N, C-alpha and C. Protein backbone atom coordinates (compact mmCIF):
# COMPACT_ATOMS: atom_id res chain seq x y z
N MET A 1 189.24 76.32 53.10
CA MET A 1 190.60 75.86 52.85
C MET A 1 190.62 75.55 51.09
N LEU A 2 190.93 76.44 50.49
CA LEU A 2 190.75 76.38 48.65
C LEU A 2 192.17 76.05 48.38
N PRO A 3 192.62 75.08 47.31
CA PRO A 3 191.48 74.69 46.73
C PRO A 3 190.96 73.41 47.53
N PHE A 4 189.91 72.97 46.98
CA PHE A 4 189.12 71.86 47.92
C PHE A 4 189.91 70.63 46.90
N ARG A 5 190.61 69.67 47.67
CA ARG A 5 191.16 68.80 47.58
C ARG A 5 190.14 67.20 47.42
N ARG A 6 189.46 67.34 48.41
CA ARG A 6 188.40 66.14 48.59
C ARG A 6 187.40 66.43 48.71
N ILE A 7 186.36 66.32 47.61
CA ILE A 7 184.82 66.53 47.93
C ILE A 7 183.99 65.21 48.01
N LEU A 8 183.28 65.36 49.06
CA LEU A 8 182.37 64.54 49.50
C LEU A 8 180.70 64.55 49.08
N PHE A 9 180.26 63.92 48.29
CA PHE A 9 178.68 64.28 47.96
C PHE A 9 177.94 62.83 48.78
N PRO A 10 177.27 62.77 49.78
CA PRO A 10 176.30 62.08 50.21
C PRO A 10 175.27 61.80 49.11
N VAL A 11 174.86 60.61 48.85
CA VAL A 11 173.93 60.12 48.02
C VAL A 11 172.75 59.57 48.61
N ASP A 12 171.62 60.17 48.44
CA ASP A 12 170.24 59.43 48.88
C ASP A 12 169.24 59.25 47.68
N TYR A 13 169.67 59.45 46.57
CA TYR A 13 168.86 59.02 45.35
C TYR A 13 167.60 60.04 45.16
N SER A 14 167.47 61.21 45.92
CA SER A 14 166.19 61.98 46.06
C SER A 14 166.39 62.93 44.92
N PRO A 15 165.30 63.45 44.28
CA PRO A 15 165.15 64.49 43.49
C PRO A 15 166.26 65.73 44.01
N SER A 16 166.04 66.09 45.28
CA SER A 16 166.76 67.37 45.64
C SER A 16 168.37 67.04 45.69
N ARG A 17 168.67 65.94 45.94
CA ARG A 17 170.22 65.56 45.72
C ARG A 17 170.42 65.43 44.48
N ARG A 18 169.89 64.93 43.24
CA ARG A 18 170.14 64.83 42.21
C ARG A 18 170.23 66.25 41.28
N ALA A 19 169.50 67.12 41.77
CA ALA A 19 169.54 68.53 41.33
C ALA A 19 170.89 69.17 41.84
N VAL A 20 171.77 68.69 42.67
CA VAL A 20 172.78 69.19 42.98
C VAL A 20 173.92 68.51 42.16
N ILE A 21 173.75 67.52 41.42
CA ILE A 21 174.85 67.05 40.75
C ILE A 21 175.59 68.00 39.81
N PRO A 22 175.09 68.72 38.99
CA PRO A 22 175.93 69.60 38.04
C PRO A 22 176.81 70.68 38.88
N TYR A 23 176.36 70.97 40.03
CA TYR A 23 177.23 71.89 41.15
C TYR A 23 178.40 71.02 41.52
N VAL A 24 178.13 69.48 41.92
CA VAL A 24 179.30 68.86 42.34
C VAL A 24 179.98 68.66 41.13
N GLN A 25 179.50 68.42 39.93
CA GLN A 25 180.68 68.04 39.00
C GLN A 25 181.43 69.27 38.57
N ASP A 26 180.66 70.52 38.70
CA ASP A 26 181.71 71.50 38.20
C ASP A 26 182.49 71.81 39.24
N ALA A 27 182.19 71.82 40.49
CA ALA A 27 183.20 72.04 41.73
C ALA A 27 184.34 71.14 41.55
N ALA A 28 184.28 69.82 41.38
CA ALA A 28 185.28 68.74 41.22
C ALA A 28 186.23 69.06 40.13
N ARG A 29 185.61 69.36 38.89
CA ARG A 29 186.49 69.91 37.75
C ARG A 29 186.89 71.17 37.92
N HIS A 30 186.51 72.11 38.66
CA HIS A 30 187.37 73.40 39.09
C HIS A 30 188.25 73.40 39.56
N PHE A 31 188.30 72.47 40.87
CA PHE A 31 189.25 72.56 41.65
C PHE A 31 190.12 71.20 41.37
N HIS A 32 190.17 70.35 40.49
CA HIS A 32 190.61 69.17 40.23
C HIS A 32 190.75 68.16 41.28
N SER A 33 189.37 68.17 42.20
CA SER A 33 189.31 67.49 43.49
C SER A 33 188.95 65.76 43.28
N GLN A 34 189.43 65.23 44.11
CA GLN A 34 189.08 63.80 44.32
C GLN A 34 187.57 63.98 44.84
N LEU A 35 186.83 63.19 43.92
CA LEU A 35 185.24 63.23 44.40
C LEU A 35 184.98 61.81 45.09
N THR A 36 184.43 61.78 46.26
CA THR A 36 183.76 60.72 46.91
C THR A 36 182.46 60.77 46.76
N LEU A 37 181.66 59.55 46.56
CA LEU A 37 180.26 59.63 46.91
C LEU A 37 179.89 58.67 47.95
N LEU A 38 179.19 58.72 48.73
CA LEU A 38 178.52 58.11 50.01
C LEU A 38 177.45 57.80 50.07
N HIS A 39 176.81 56.44 50.26
CA HIS A 39 175.45 56.21 50.35
C HIS A 39 175.33 55.26 51.75
N ALA A 40 174.57 55.99 52.73
CA ALA A 40 174.43 55.33 53.98
C ALA A 40 172.92 54.62 53.87
N PHE A 41 172.99 53.42 54.50
CA PHE A 41 171.83 52.43 54.51
C PHE A 41 171.49 51.56 55.81
N ALA A 42 170.31 51.37 56.07
CA ALA A 42 170.11 51.13 57.54
C ALA A 42 169.23 49.65 56.97
N LEU A 43 169.88 48.69 57.79
CA LEU A 43 169.19 47.14 57.83
C LEU A 43 168.20 47.18 58.60
N GLN A 44 167.86 47.97 59.85
CA GLN A 44 167.05 47.94 60.63
C GLN A 44 166.30 49.29 60.76
N PRO A 45 164.96 49.26 60.98
CA PRO A 45 164.52 50.73 61.00
C PRO A 45 164.69 51.40 62.11
N CYS A 46 164.71 52.77 62.14
CA CYS A 46 164.84 53.45 63.13
C CYS A 46 163.83 54.58 63.09
N LEU A 47 163.93 54.93 64.65
CA LEU A 47 162.77 56.16 64.93
C LEU A 47 163.52 57.27 65.27
N ALA A 48 163.52 58.19 64.33
CA ALA A 48 163.97 59.73 64.87
C ALA A 48 163.50 60.49 65.93
N ILE A 49 163.82 60.47 67.03
CA ILE A 49 163.06 61.36 68.39
C ILE A 49 163.92 62.85 68.44
N PRO A 50 163.29 63.61 68.54
CA PRO A 50 164.15 65.04 69.11
C PRO A 50 164.52 65.04 70.44
N ASN A 51 165.57 65.35 70.67
CA ASN A 51 166.18 65.29 71.71
C ASN A 51 167.06 66.79 72.26
N PRO A 52 166.42 67.78 72.89
CA PRO A 52 166.74 68.94 73.15
C PRO A 52 168.43 69.13 73.66
N ARG A 53 169.19 68.22 73.80
CA ARG A 53 170.56 68.21 73.93
C ARG A 53 171.48 67.61 72.86
N GLU A 54 170.77 66.82 71.96
CA GLU A 54 171.61 66.33 70.91
C GLU A 54 170.78 66.32 69.50
N ALA A 55 169.88 67.35 69.33
CA ALA A 55 169.02 67.30 68.29
C ALA A 55 168.51 66.10 67.77
N LEU A 56 168.84 65.07 67.50
CA LEU A 56 168.06 63.71 67.12
C LEU A 56 168.80 62.52 68.09
N VAL A 57 167.88 61.56 68.45
CA VAL A 57 168.18 60.22 68.84
C VAL A 57 167.74 59.14 68.20
N TYR A 58 168.34 58.25 67.70
CA TYR A 58 168.09 57.11 66.91
C TYR A 58 167.58 55.92 67.63
N THR A 59 166.49 55.37 67.51
CA THR A 59 166.31 54.28 68.54
C THR A 59 165.85 52.91 67.65
N ASP A 60 166.50 52.15 67.77
CA ASP A 60 166.46 50.79 67.09
C ASP A 60 165.00 50.17 67.31
N LEU A 61 163.87 49.80 66.34
CA LEU A 61 162.71 49.22 66.63
C LEU A 61 162.83 47.80 66.68
N GLY A 62 164.15 47.40 66.18
CA GLY A 62 164.39 45.89 66.31
C GLY A 62 163.81 45.31 64.90
N GLY A 63 163.59 44.00 64.77
CA GLY A 63 163.47 43.41 63.80
C GLY A 63 164.35 42.39 63.17
N GLU A 64 164.12 41.34 62.48
CA GLU A 64 165.29 40.36 62.09
C GLU A 64 165.23 40.67 60.72
N TYR A 65 166.48 40.80 59.87
CA TYR A 65 166.65 40.80 58.67
C TYR A 65 167.47 39.70 57.92
N PRO A 66 166.73 39.16 57.07
CA PRO A 66 167.76 38.06 56.47
C PRO A 66 169.11 38.28 55.88
N GLN A 67 169.28 39.35 55.13
CA GLN A 67 170.40 39.61 54.82
C GLN A 67 171.54 40.47 55.69
N PRO A 68 172.69 39.63 55.52
CA PRO A 68 173.47 40.09 56.42
C PRO A 68 174.10 41.53 56.07
N VAL A 69 174.53 42.17 56.38
CA VAL A 69 175.38 43.69 56.19
C VAL A 69 176.23 43.49 55.00
N GLU A 70 176.95 42.60 54.94
CA GLU A 70 177.79 42.37 53.52
C GLU A 70 176.99 42.22 52.45
N GLN A 71 176.04 41.60 51.94
CA GLN A 71 175.22 41.44 51.18
C GLN A 71 174.58 42.77 50.98
N ALA A 72 174.06 43.53 51.85
CA ALA A 72 173.24 44.63 51.67
C ALA A 72 174.31 45.69 51.16
N ARG A 73 175.73 45.74 51.55
CA ARG A 73 176.58 46.54 51.02
C ARG A 73 176.85 46.39 49.80
N GLU A 74 176.99 45.04 49.31
CA GLU A 74 177.29 44.88 48.09
C GLU A 74 176.11 45.28 47.04
N LEU A 75 175.02 45.06 47.19
CA LEU A 75 173.91 45.71 46.61
C LEU A 75 173.93 47.11 46.51
N GLN A 76 174.21 47.98 47.39
CA GLN A 76 174.21 49.11 47.75
C GLN A 76 175.58 49.81 46.84
N CYS A 77 176.66 48.99 46.88
CA CYS A 77 177.52 49.19 46.07
C CYS A 77 177.42 49.28 44.59
N ARG A 78 176.76 48.46 44.02
CA ARG A 78 176.11 48.15 42.70
C ARG A 78 175.42 49.47 42.38
N ARG A 79 174.52 49.69 43.04
CA ARG A 79 173.49 50.79 43.02
C ARG A 79 174.25 52.08 43.03
N LEU A 80 175.05 52.50 43.68
CA LEU A 80 175.84 53.67 43.80
C LEU A 80 177.03 53.46 42.66
N LYS A 81 177.34 52.58 42.19
CA LYS A 81 178.25 52.42 41.08
C LYS A 81 177.66 52.76 39.70
N GLU A 82 176.12 52.36 39.72
CA GLU A 82 175.25 52.78 38.50
C GLU A 82 174.95 54.18 38.50
N PHE A 83 174.72 54.80 39.89
CA PHE A 83 174.51 56.13 39.85
C PHE A 83 175.60 56.93 39.49
N ALA A 84 176.91 56.63 39.91
CA ALA A 84 178.05 57.40 39.55
C ALA A 84 178.58 57.19 38.00
N SER A 85 178.10 56.10 37.41
CA SER A 85 178.34 56.07 36.05
C SER A 85 177.46 56.78 35.06
N LYS A 86 176.40 57.19 35.51
CA LYS A 86 175.35 57.92 34.95
C LYS A 86 175.53 59.31 35.19
N SER A 87 175.81 59.71 36.58
CA SER A 87 175.79 61.18 36.91
C SER A 87 177.26 61.65 36.50
N PHE A 88 178.37 61.08 36.72
CA PHE A 88 179.51 61.26 36.81
C PHE A 88 180.71 60.75 35.60
N PRO A 89 180.02 60.73 34.75
CA PRO A 89 180.53 59.70 33.47
C PRO A 89 181.79 59.85 33.33
N ASP A 90 182.23 61.03 33.53
CA ASP A 90 183.48 61.49 32.69
C ASP A 90 184.69 61.66 34.02
N GLN A 91 184.27 61.30 35.12
CA GLN A 91 185.06 61.78 36.42
C GLN A 91 185.52 60.60 37.18
N HIS A 92 186.47 60.66 37.48
CA HIS A 92 187.13 59.30 38.60
C HIS A 92 186.37 59.49 39.92
N VAL A 93 185.65 58.80 40.42
CA VAL A 93 184.82 58.97 41.53
C VAL A 93 185.34 57.60 42.45
N GLU A 94 185.49 58.25 43.46
CA GLU A 94 185.47 56.96 44.82
C GLU A 94 184.16 56.63 45.51
N LEU A 95 183.62 55.42 45.77
CA LEU A 95 182.47 55.18 46.45
C LEU A 95 182.30 54.26 47.70
N PHE A 96 181.64 54.72 48.48
CA PHE A 96 181.40 53.98 49.60
C PHE A 96 179.92 53.71 50.12
N ALA A 97 179.56 52.77 50.37
CA ALA A 97 178.12 52.39 51.16
C ALA A 97 178.38 51.95 52.40
N GLU A 98 177.98 52.75 53.61
CA GLU A 98 177.91 52.51 54.80
C GLU A 98 176.62 52.11 55.21
N GLU A 99 176.53 50.98 56.14
CA GLU A 99 175.64 50.61 56.96
C GLU A 99 175.46 51.32 58.26
N GLY A 100 173.87 52.27 58.47
CA GLY A 100 174.04 53.03 59.55
C GLY A 100 173.54 54.31 59.24
N GLU A 101 173.45 55.11 60.31
CA GLU A 101 172.44 56.54 60.23
C GLU A 101 173.72 57.38 59.38
N ALA A 102 172.96 58.24 58.59
CA ALA A 102 173.54 58.90 57.36
C ALA A 102 174.57 59.89 58.17
N ALA A 103 174.14 60.64 59.18
CA ALA A 103 175.18 61.78 59.73
C ALA A 103 176.54 61.10 60.34
N THR A 104 176.24 59.93 60.72
CA THR A 104 177.34 59.24 61.37
C THR A 104 178.21 58.62 60.30
N ALA A 105 177.60 58.21 59.10
CA ALA A 105 178.59 57.67 58.03
C ALA A 105 179.32 58.84 57.49
N ILE A 106 178.55 60.18 57.40
CA ILE A 106 179.46 60.85 56.68
C ILE A 106 180.41 61.51 57.51
N ASP A 107 180.23 61.79 58.59
CA ASP A 107 181.16 62.01 59.81
C ASP A 107 182.37 61.17 59.71
N ARG A 108 182.25 59.93 59.73
CA ARG A 108 183.33 58.90 59.49
C ARG A 108 184.15 59.01 58.24
N THR A 109 183.49 59.23 57.42
CA THR A 109 183.91 59.27 55.92
C THR A 109 184.85 60.70 55.78
N ILE A 110 184.30 61.78 56.38
CA ILE A 110 185.02 63.10 56.45
C ILE A 110 186.43 62.92 57.13
N GLN A 111 186.38 62.03 58.26
CA GLN A 111 187.46 61.78 59.23
C GLN A 111 188.28 60.87 58.29
N ARG A 112 188.36 59.91 57.69
CA ARG A 112 188.66 58.87 57.26
C ARG A 112 189.64 59.45 56.12
N GLN A 113 188.66 60.11 55.32
CA GLN A 113 189.27 60.54 54.05
C GLN A 113 190.10 62.00 53.93
N GLY A 114 189.63 62.94 55.20
CA GLY A 114 190.18 64.19 55.28
C GLY A 114 189.33 64.95 54.12
N THR A 115 188.24 64.68 54.10
CA THR A 115 187.64 65.69 53.36
C THR A 115 187.60 67.17 53.47
N ASP A 116 187.45 67.95 52.16
CA ASP A 116 187.58 69.45 52.53
C ASP A 116 186.24 70.12 52.57
N LEU A 117 185.48 69.40 51.89
CA LEU A 117 184.19 70.07 51.47
C LEU A 117 182.93 68.88 51.11
N VAL A 118 181.89 69.12 51.97
CA VAL A 118 180.60 68.20 51.61
C VAL A 118 179.64 68.90 51.05
N MET A 119 179.46 68.31 49.79
CA MET A 119 178.21 69.19 49.06
C MET A 119 177.03 68.51 48.93
N MET A 120 175.71 69.04 49.57
CA MET A 120 174.55 68.34 49.61
C MET A 120 173.54 69.70 49.68
N PRO A 121 172.43 69.36 49.13
CA PRO A 121 171.25 70.18 49.15
C PRO A 121 170.88 70.70 50.69
N THR A 122 170.41 71.95 50.94
CA THR A 122 170.02 72.21 52.07
C THR A 122 168.51 72.11 52.50
N ARG A 123 167.67 71.78 51.50
CA ARG A 123 166.13 71.52 51.61
C ARG A 123 166.03 70.31 50.94
N GLY A 124 164.73 69.72 51.27
CA GLY A 124 164.38 68.32 50.56
C GLY A 124 164.60 67.18 51.74
N CYS A 125 164.99 67.34 52.77
CA CYS A 125 165.18 66.32 53.80
C CYS A 125 163.97 65.76 54.49
N GLY A 126 162.82 65.78 53.73
CA GLY A 126 161.58 65.13 53.94
C GLY A 126 161.32 65.20 55.52
N PRO A 127 161.07 64.05 56.31
CA PRO A 127 160.58 63.96 57.74
C PRO A 127 161.36 64.49 58.40
N VAL A 128 162.35 64.09 58.29
CA VAL A 128 163.76 64.47 59.38
C VAL A 128 163.89 66.11 59.40
N ARG A 129 163.79 66.79 58.35
CA ARG A 129 163.61 68.32 58.36
C ARG A 129 162.62 68.90 59.01
N ARG A 130 161.46 68.20 58.79
CA ARG A 130 160.08 68.64 59.34
C ARG A 130 159.94 68.49 61.02
N LEU A 131 160.72 67.31 61.06
CA LEU A 131 160.62 66.95 62.75
C LEU A 131 161.85 67.93 63.42
N LEU A 132 162.76 68.36 62.70
CA LEU A 132 163.52 69.15 63.63
C LEU A 132 163.30 70.78 63.57
N LEU A 133 162.63 71.24 62.29
CA LEU A 133 162.30 72.56 62.20
C LEU A 133 160.99 72.66 62.21
N GLY A 134 160.01 71.87 62.13
CA GLY A 134 158.65 72.05 62.25
C GLY A 134 158.10 71.99 60.81
N PRO A 135 156.55 71.98 60.79
CA PRO A 135 156.15 72.19 59.41
C PRO A 135 156.42 73.32 58.31
């Protein structure tokens, strides 16, 4: 669906994600696209369990955290804003910080924004990649 009008760049601050920044910058400029950065965060730890029917199942391990979701979201929004100002200084960027599992947050953002293109690395997913694909 060219040209891409809306590009989504999920941000996890990893080295592999940072390596994609120049490509995201170029694509957004080339297509004159609206760029959205999304960071998904979790207040409660989750355990990813392989499930033959659905790839991964996330199980809440429980535990109480004193910070309410809105305070955590504000903190993550500030962090994302700093990242955007350093990584995309000459571009207008829309920012979202969502509590929850990353794939779900990405899907919600795609639906909400009408995203045409999601840009992210294919390697460097750490333990989840090893869990899904093996060592």
